[in-house]
Structures are given as C-alpha cells and as structure tokens.
Amino acid sequence: MLQKLARVAVKLARIMDGGTGYEAYVRRRRADHPNLPLMTYEEFIERQSASDDVYLRCIRHAPRRQT
C-alpha cells in the first residue's frame, strides 16, 4: 500500500511541476518498441487518470491500522 501511495505522490509532484510523463513515455516506447504505435497525449493522460483512480480507491478503502 505504501508503494501505491508513493507512486501517486510522485505522479502528483510531476504534475505540479508541469510534467505529465508523456515525454518519458515517448522516449522509452521508441527505445524499447520502435515498431509499435505511440499513444496520443490525450490517450496517455486518460490512461494515467484511470490508473490514479485505481490507486486512490485502493488507498481510500484500505483497512485502517489498529494502534
């Protein structure tokens, strides 16, 4: 659960800094899979938003620790 929270925090920090990760996605996709098509920027953002929702739902519904 902490790893998921850390991923969301990193994504939010990048967004606040003005980056979406699309440039990194394009570089990595071209390097690793040059023959495959790239997602458009809009598709990338939509997919990232969907994955963030999953992480946030997991965090919101996680059982609380007993102290």
PDB file of N, CA and C in Angstrom:
ATOM      1  N   MET A   1       0.822  -1.193   0.000  1.00  0.00           N
ATOM      2  CA  MET A   1       0.000   0.000   0.000  1.00  0.00           C
ATOM      3  C   MET A   1       0.865   1.255   0.000  1.00  0.00           C
ATOM      4  N   LEU A   2       1.974   1.220   0.728  1.00  0.00           N
ATOM      5  CA  LEU A   2       2.861   2.389   0.736  1.00  0.00           C
ATOM      6  C   LEU A   2       3.459   2.643  -0.635  1.00  0.00           C
ATOM      7  N   GLN A   3       3.716   1.571  -1.386  1.00  0.00           N
ATOM      8  CA  GLN A   3       4.258   1.750  -2.737  1.00  0.00           C
ATOM      9  C   GLN A   3       3.245   2.456  -3.628  1.00  0.00           C
ATOM     10  N   LYS A   4       1.992   2.093  -3.507  1.00  0.00           N
ATOM     11  CA  LYS A   4       0.949   2.739  -4.311  1.00  0.00           C
ATOM     12  C   LYS A   4       0.817   4.211  -3.942  1.00  0.00           C
ATOM     13  N   LEU A   5       0.870   4.484  -2.655  1.00  0.00           N
ATOM     14  CA  LEU A   5       0.788   5.867  -2.204  1.00  0.00           C
ATOM     15  C   LEU A   5       1.981   6.666  -2.721  1.00  0.00           C
ATOM     16  N   ALA A   6       3.158   6.049  -2.696  1.00  0.00           N
ATOM     17  CA  ALA A   6       4.360   6.725  -3.194  1.00  0.00           C
ATOM     18  C   ALA A   6       4.236   7.017  -4.688  1.00  0.00           C
ATOM     19  N   ARG A   7       3.686   6.073  -5.459  1.00  0.00           N
ATOM     20  CA  ARG A   7       3.501   6.297  -6.902  1.00  0.00           C
ATOM     21  C   ARG A   7       2.568   7.471  -7.163  1.00  0.00           C
ATOM     22  N   VAL A   8       1.487   7.528  -6.427  1.00  0.00           N
ATOM     23  CA  VAL A   8       0.537   8.636  -6.586  1.00  0.00           C
ATOM     24  C   VAL A   8       1.208   9.949  -6.214  1.00  0.00           C
ATOM     25  N   ALA A   9       1.972   9.945  -5.120  1.00  0.00           N
ATOM     26  CA  ALA A   9       2.658  11.167  -4.694  1.00  0.00           C
ATOM     27  C   ALA A   9       3.644  11.633  -5.755  1.00  0.00           C
ATOM     28  N   VAL A  10       4.369  10.710  -6.357  1.00  0.00           N
ATOM     29  CA  VAL A  10       5.329  11.074  -7.408  1.00  0.00           C
ATOM     30  C   VAL A  10       4.596  11.637  -8.615  1.00  0.00           C
ATOM     31  N   LYS A  11       3.497  10.994  -9.006  1.00  0.00           N
ATOM     32  CA  LYS A  11       2.728  11.499 -10.149  1.00  0.00           C
ATOM     33  C   LYS A  11       2.189  12.906  -9.877  1.00  0.00           C
ATOM     34  N   LEU A  12       1.669  13.108  -8.684  1.00  0.00           N
ATOM     35  CA  LEU A  12       1.144  14.432  -8.341  1.00  0.00           C
ATOM     36  C   LEU A  12       2.254  15.482  -8.332  1.00  0.00           C
ATOM     37  N   ALA A  13       3.417  15.121  -7.824  1.00  0.00           N
ATOM     38  CA  ALA A  13       4.542  16.059  -7.807  1.00  0.00           C
ATOM     39  C   ALA A  13       4.958  16.422  -9.230  1.00  0.00           C
ATOM     40  N   ARG A  14       4.987  15.439 -10.113  1.00  0.00           N
ATOM     41  CA  ARG A  14       5.354  15.713 -11.508  1.00  0.00           C
ATOM     42  C   ARG A  14       4.337  16.625 -12.178  1.00  0.00           C
ATOM     43  N   ILE A  15       3.065  16.370 -11.911  1.00  0.00           N
ATOM     44  CA  ILE A  15       2.017  17.209 -12.499  1.00  0.00           C
ATOM     45  C   ILE A  15       2.131  18.631 -11.988  1.00  0.00           C
ATOM     46  N   MET A  16       2.371  18.777 -10.679  1.00  0.00           N
ATOM     47  CA  MET A  16       2.507  20.118 -10.100  1.00  0.00           C
ATOM     48  C   MET A  16       3.726  20.838 -10.663  1.00  0.00           C
ATOM     49  N   ASP A  17       4.749  20.073 -11.065  1.00  0.00           N
ATOM     50  CA  ASP A  17       5.958  20.647 -11.631  1.00  0.00           C
ATOM     51  C   ASP A  17       5.783  20.942 -13.127  1.00  0.00           C
ATOM     52  N   GLY A  18       4.640  20.566 -13.669  1.00  0.00           N
ATOM     53  CA  GLY A  18       4.363  20.851 -15.074  1.00  0.00           C
ATOM     54  C   GLY A  18       4.599  19.678 -15.998  1.00  0.00           C
ATOM     55  N   GLY A  19       5.053  18.554 -15.491  1.00  0.00           N
ATOM     56  CA  GLY A  19       5.307  17.390 -16.325  1.00  0.00           C
ATOM     57  C   GLY A  19       4.205  16.366 -16.183  1.00  0.00           C
ATOM     58  N   THR A  20       3.951  15.634 -17.258  1.00  0.00           N
ATOM     59  CA  THR A  20       2.935  14.595 -17.220  1.00  0.00           C
ATOM     60  C   THR A  20       3.542  13.214 -17.377  1.00  0.00           C
ATOM     61  N   GLY A  21       4.801  13.150 -17.781  1.00  0.00           N
ATOM     62  CA  GLY A  21       5.436  11.874 -18.025  1.00  0.00           C
ATOM     63  C   GLY A  21       5.321  11.435 -19.473  1.00  0.00           C
ATOM     64  N   TYR A  22       4.593  12.199 -20.281  1.00  0.00           N
ATOM     65  CA  TYR A  22       4.404  11.805 -21.675  1.00  0.00           C
ATOM     66  C   TYR A  22       5.725  11.772 -22.433  1.00  0.00           C
ATOM     67  N   GLU A  23       6.579  12.741 -22.191  1.00  0.00           N
ATOM     68  CA  GLU A  23       7.869  12.784 -22.883  1.00  0.00           C
ATOM     69  C   GLU A  23       8.697  11.556 -22.543  1.00  0.00           C
ATOM     70  N   ALA A  24       8.700  11.169 -21.280  1.00  0.00           N
ATOM     71  CA  ALA A  24       9.444   9.972 -20.858  1.00  0.00           C
ATOM     72  C   ALA A  24       8.829   8.721 -21.485  1.00  0.00           C
ATOM     73  N   TYR A  25       7.510   8.664 -21.534  1.00  0.00           N
ATOM     74  CA  TYR A  25       6.817   7.536 -22.178  1.00  0.00           C
ATOM     75  C   TYR A  25       7.244   7.416 -23.631  1.00  0.00           C
ATOM     76  N   VAL A  26       7.253   8.534 -24.354  1.00  0.00           N
ATOM     77  CA  VAL A  26       7.618   8.523 -25.774  1.00  0.00           C
ATOM     78  C   VAL A  26       9.056   8.038 -25.946  1.00  0.00           C
ATOM     79  N   ARG A  27       9.979   8.578 -25.140  1.00  0.00           N
ATOM     80  CA  ARG A  27      11.384   8.152 -25.251  1.00  0.00           C
ATOM     81  C   ARG A  27      11.532   6.653 -25.002  1.00  0.00           C
ATOM     82  N   ARG A  28      10.914   6.182 -23.941  1.00  0.00           N
ATOM     83  CA  ARG A  28      11.056   4.768 -23.589  1.00  0.00           C
ATOM     84  C   ARG A  28      10.367   3.867 -24.618  1.00  0.00           C
ATOM     85  N   ARG A  29       9.190   4.260 -25.058  1.00  0.00           N
ATOM     86  CA  ARG A  29       8.454   3.457 -26.042  1.00  0.00           C
ATOM     87  C   ARG A  29       9.237   3.352 -27.348  1.00  0.00           C
ATOM     88  N   ARG A  30       9.810   4.466 -27.801  1.00  0.00           N
ATOM     89  CA  ARG A  30      10.593   4.448 -29.041  1.00  0.00           C
ATOM     90  C   ARG A  30      11.856   3.616 -28.898  1.00  0.00           C
ATOM     91  N   ALA A  31      12.467   3.651 -27.720  1.00  0.00           N
ATOM     92  CA  ALA A  31      13.684   2.876 -27.492  1.00  0.00           C
ATOM     93  C   ALA A  31      13.390   1.382 -27.373  1.00  0.00           C
ATOM     94  N   ASP A  32      12.336   1.043 -26.636  1.00  0.00           N
ATOM     95  CA  ASP A  32      12.034  -0.366 -26.358  1.00  0.00           C
ATOM     96  C   ASP A  32      11.185  -1.038 -27.439  1.00  0.00           C
ATOM     97  N   HIS A  33      10.302  -0.281 -28.064  1.00  0.00           N
ATOM     98  CA  HIS A  33       9.360  -0.848 -29.042  1.00  0.00           C
ATOM     99  C   HIS A  33       9.214   0.091 -30.239  1.00  0.00           C
ATOM    100  N   PRO A  34      10.284   0.246 -31.030  1.00  0.00           N
ATOM    101  CA  PRO A  34      10.241   1.240 -32.112  1.00  0.00           C
ATOM    102  C   PRO A  34       9.194   0.957 -33.189  1.00  0.00           C
ATOM    103  N   ASN A  35       8.754  -0.287 -33.318  1.00  0.00           N
ATOM    104  CA  ASN A  35       7.794  -0.624 -34.379  1.00  0.00           C
ATOM    105  C   ASN A  35       6.340  -0.496 -33.939  1.00  0.00           C
ATOM    106  N   LEU A  36       6.106  -0.246 -32.657  1.00  0.00           N
ATOM    107  CA  LEU A  36       4.738  -0.139 -32.161  1.00  0.00           C
ATOM    108  C   LEU A  36       4.290   1.324 -32.127  1.00  0.00           C
ATOM    109  N   PRO A  37       2.994   1.565 -32.328  1.00  0.00           N
ATOM    110  CA  PRO A  37       2.497   2.950 -32.320  1.00  0.00           C
ATOM    111  C   PRO A  37       2.507   3.548 -30.916  1.00  0.00           C
ATOM    112  N   LEU A  38       2.579   4.859 -30.881  1.00  0.00           N
ATOM    113  CA  LEU A  38       2.528   5.598 -29.621  1.00  0.00           C
ATOM    114  C   LEU A  38       1.092   5.998 -29.311  1.00  0.00           C
ATOM    115  N   MET A  39       0.783   6.092 -28.020  1.00  0.00           N
ATOM    116  CA  MET A  39      -0.497   6.683 -27.624  1.00  0.00           C
ATOM    117  C   MET A  39      -0.411   8.178 -27.884  1.00  0.00           C
ATOM    118  N   THR A  40      -1.537   8.776 -28.177  1.00  0.00           N
ATOM    119  CA  THR A  40      -1.564  10.231 -28.277  1.00  0.00           C
ATOM    120  C   THR A  40      -1.437  10.806 -26.866  1.00  0.00           C
ATOM    121  N   TYR A  41      -1.171  12.088 -26.789  1.00  0.00           N
ATOM    122  CA  TYR A  41      -1.072  12.736 -25.483  1.00  0.00           C
ATOM    123  C   TYR A  41      -2.380  12.565 -24.699  1.00  0.00           C
ATOM    124  N   GLU A  42      -3.502  12.741 -25.396  1.00  0.00           N
ATOM    125  CA  GLU A  42      -4.811  12.623 -24.742  1.00  0.00           C
ATOM    126  C   GLU A  42      -5.037  11.200 -24.222  1.00  0.00           C
ATOM    127  N   GLU A  43      -4.669  10.189 -25.024  1.00  0.00           N
ATOM    128  CA  GLU A  43      -4.814   8.803 -24.586  1.00  0.00           C
ATOM    129  C   GLU A  43      -3.947   8.522 -23.362  1.00  0.00           C
ATOM    130  N   PHE A  44      -2.730   9.060 -23.390  1.00  0.00           N
ATOM    131  CA  PHE A  44      -1.801   8.869 -22.273  1.00  0.00           C
ATOM    132  C   PHE A  44      -2.377   9.469 -20.991  1.00  0.00           C
ATOM    133  N   ILE A  45      -2.874  10.696 -21.065  1.00  0.00           N
ATOM    134  CA  ILE A  45      -3.431  11.365 -19.895  1.00  0.00           C
ATOM    135  C   ILE A  45      -4.653  10.609 -19.382  1.00  0.00           C
ATOM    136  N   GLU A  46      -5.501  10.156 -20.302  1.00  0.00           N
ATOM    137  CA  GLU A  46      -6.694   9.399 -19.895  1.00  0.00           C
ATOM    138  C   GLU A  46      -6.295   8.107 -19.178  1.00  0.00           C
ATOM    139  N   ARG A  47      -5.308   7.429 -19.694  1.00  0.00           N
ATOM    140  CA  ARG A  47      -4.860   6.182 -19.069  1.00  0.00           C
ATOM    141  C   ARG A  47      -4.236   6.440 -17.702  1.00  0.00           C
ATOM    142  N   GLN A  48      -3.452   7.512 -17.592  1.00  0.00           N
ATOM    143  CA  GLN A  48      -2.849   7.859 -16.309  1.00  0.00           C
ATOM    144  C   GLN A  48      -3.917   8.213 -15.290  1.00  0.00           C
ATOM    145  N   SER A  49      -4.928   8.945 -15.720  1.00  0.00           N
ATOM    146  CA  SER A  49      -6.008   9.325 -14.809  1.00  0.00           C
ATOM    147  C   SER A  49      -6.742   8.088 -14.313  1.00  0.00           C
ATOM    148  N   ALA A  50      -6.980   7.137 -15.195  1.00  0.00           N
ATOM    149  CA  ALA A  50      -7.667   5.908 -14.799  1.00  0.00           C
ATOM    150  C   ALA A  50      -6.842   5.128 -13.794  1.00  0.00           C
ATOM    151  N   SER A  51      -5.528   5.047 -13.999  1.00  0.00           N
ATOM    152  CA  SER A  51      -4.684   4.294 -13.065  1.00  0.00           C
ATOM    153  C   SER A  51      -4.599   5.025 -11.726  1.00  0.00           C
ATOM    154  N   ASP A  52      -4.582   6.350 -11.742  1.00  0.00           N
ATOM    155  CA  ASP A  52      -4.569   7.110 -10.484  1.00  0.00           C
ATOM    156  C   ASP A  52      -5.843   6.851  -9.694  1.00  0.00           C
ATOM    157  N   ASP A  53      -6.982   6.773 -10.395  1.00  0.00           N
ATOM    158  CA  ASP A  53      -8.239   6.497  -9.712  1.00  0.00           C
ATOM    159  C   ASP A  53      -8.199   5.152  -9.000  1.00  0.00           C
ATOM    160  N   VAL A  54      -7.592   4.156  -9.637  1.00  0.00           N
ATOM    161  CA  VAL A  54      -7.479   2.836  -9.012  1.00  0.00           C
ATOM    162  C   VAL A  54      -6.643   2.937  -7.753  1.00  0.00           C
ATOM    163  N   TYR A  55      -5.499   3.629  -7.826  1.00  0.00           N
ATOM    164  CA  TYR A  55      -4.636   3.766  -6.653  1.00  0.00           C
ATOM    165  C   TYR A  55      -5.357   4.514  -5.536  1.00  0.00           C
ATOM    166  N   LEU A  56      -6.042   5.585  -5.886  1.00  0.00           N
ATOM    167  CA  LEU A  56      -6.716   6.363  -4.860  1.00  0.00           C
ATOM    168  C   LEU A  56      -7.856   5.578  -4.226  1.00  0.00           C
ATOM    169  N   ARG A  57      -8.577   4.785  -5.026  1.00  0.00           N
ATOM    170  CA  ARG A  57      -9.634   3.948  -4.454  1.00  0.00           C
ATOM    171  C   ARG A  57      -9.044   2.920  -3.507  1.00  0.00           C
ATOM    172  N   CYS A  58      -7.893   2.335  -3.874  1.00  0.00           N
ATOM    173  CA  CYS A  58      -7.244   1.344  -3.006  1.00  0.00           C
ATOM    174  C   CYS A  58      -6.849   1.983  -1.678  1.00  0.00           C
ATOM    175  N   ILE A  59      -6.325   3.181  -1.741  1.00  0.00           N
ATOM    176  CA  ILE A  59      -5.892   3.870  -0.526  1.00  0.00           C
ATOM    177  C   ILE A  59      -7.099   4.258   0.318  1.00  0.00           C
ATOM    178  N   ARG A  60      -8.134   4.762  -0.315  1.00  0.00           N
ATOM    179  CA  ARG A  60      -9.316   5.230   0.406  1.00  0.00           C
ATOM    180  C   ARG A  60     -10.030   4.072   1.103  1.00  0.00           C
ATOM    181  N   HIS A  61     -10.029   2.892   0.512  1.00  0.00           N
ATOM    182  CA  HIS A  61     -10.760   1.759   1.063  1.00  0.00           C
ATOM    183  C   HIS A  61      -9.870   0.777   1.820  1.00  0.00           C
ATOM    184  N   ALA A  62      -8.636   1.130   2.014  1.00  0.00           N
ATOM    185  CA  ALA A  62      -7.729   0.242   2.738  1.00  0.00           C
ATOM    186  C   ALA A  62      -8.136   0.191   4.206  1.00  0.00           C
ATOM    187  N   PRO A  63      -7.996  -0.978   4.827  1.00  0.00           N
ATOM    188  CA  PRO A  63      -8.330  -1.065   6.254  1.00  0.00           C
ATOM    189  C   PRO A  63      -7.393  -0.188   7.084  1.00  0.00           C
ATOM    190  N   ARG A  64      -7.924   0.398   8.096  1.00  0.00           N
ATOM    191  CA  ARG A  64      -7.112   1.271   8.961  1.00  0.00           C
ATOM    192  C   ARG A  64      -6.322   0.429   9.960  1.00  0.00           C
ATOM    193  N   ARG A  65      -5.135   0.909  10.244  1.00  0.00           N
ATOM    194  CA  ARG A  65      -4.284   0.204  11.210  1.00  0.00           C
ATOM    195  C   ARG A  65      -4.810   0.394  12.613  1.00  0.00           C
ATOM    196  N   GLN A  66      -4.736  -0.650  13.370  1.00  0.00           N
ATOM    197  CA  GLN A  66      -5.099  -0.572  14.777  1.00  0.00           C
ATOM    198  C   GLN A  66      -3.885  -0.106  15.557  1.00  0.00           C
ATOM    199  N   THR A  67      -4.032   0.913  16.365  1.00  0.00           N
ATOM    200  CA  THR A  67      -2.901   1.413  17.169  1.00  0.00           C
ATOM    201  C   THR A  67      -3.122   1.141  18.624  1.00  0.00           C
TER     202      THR A  67
END
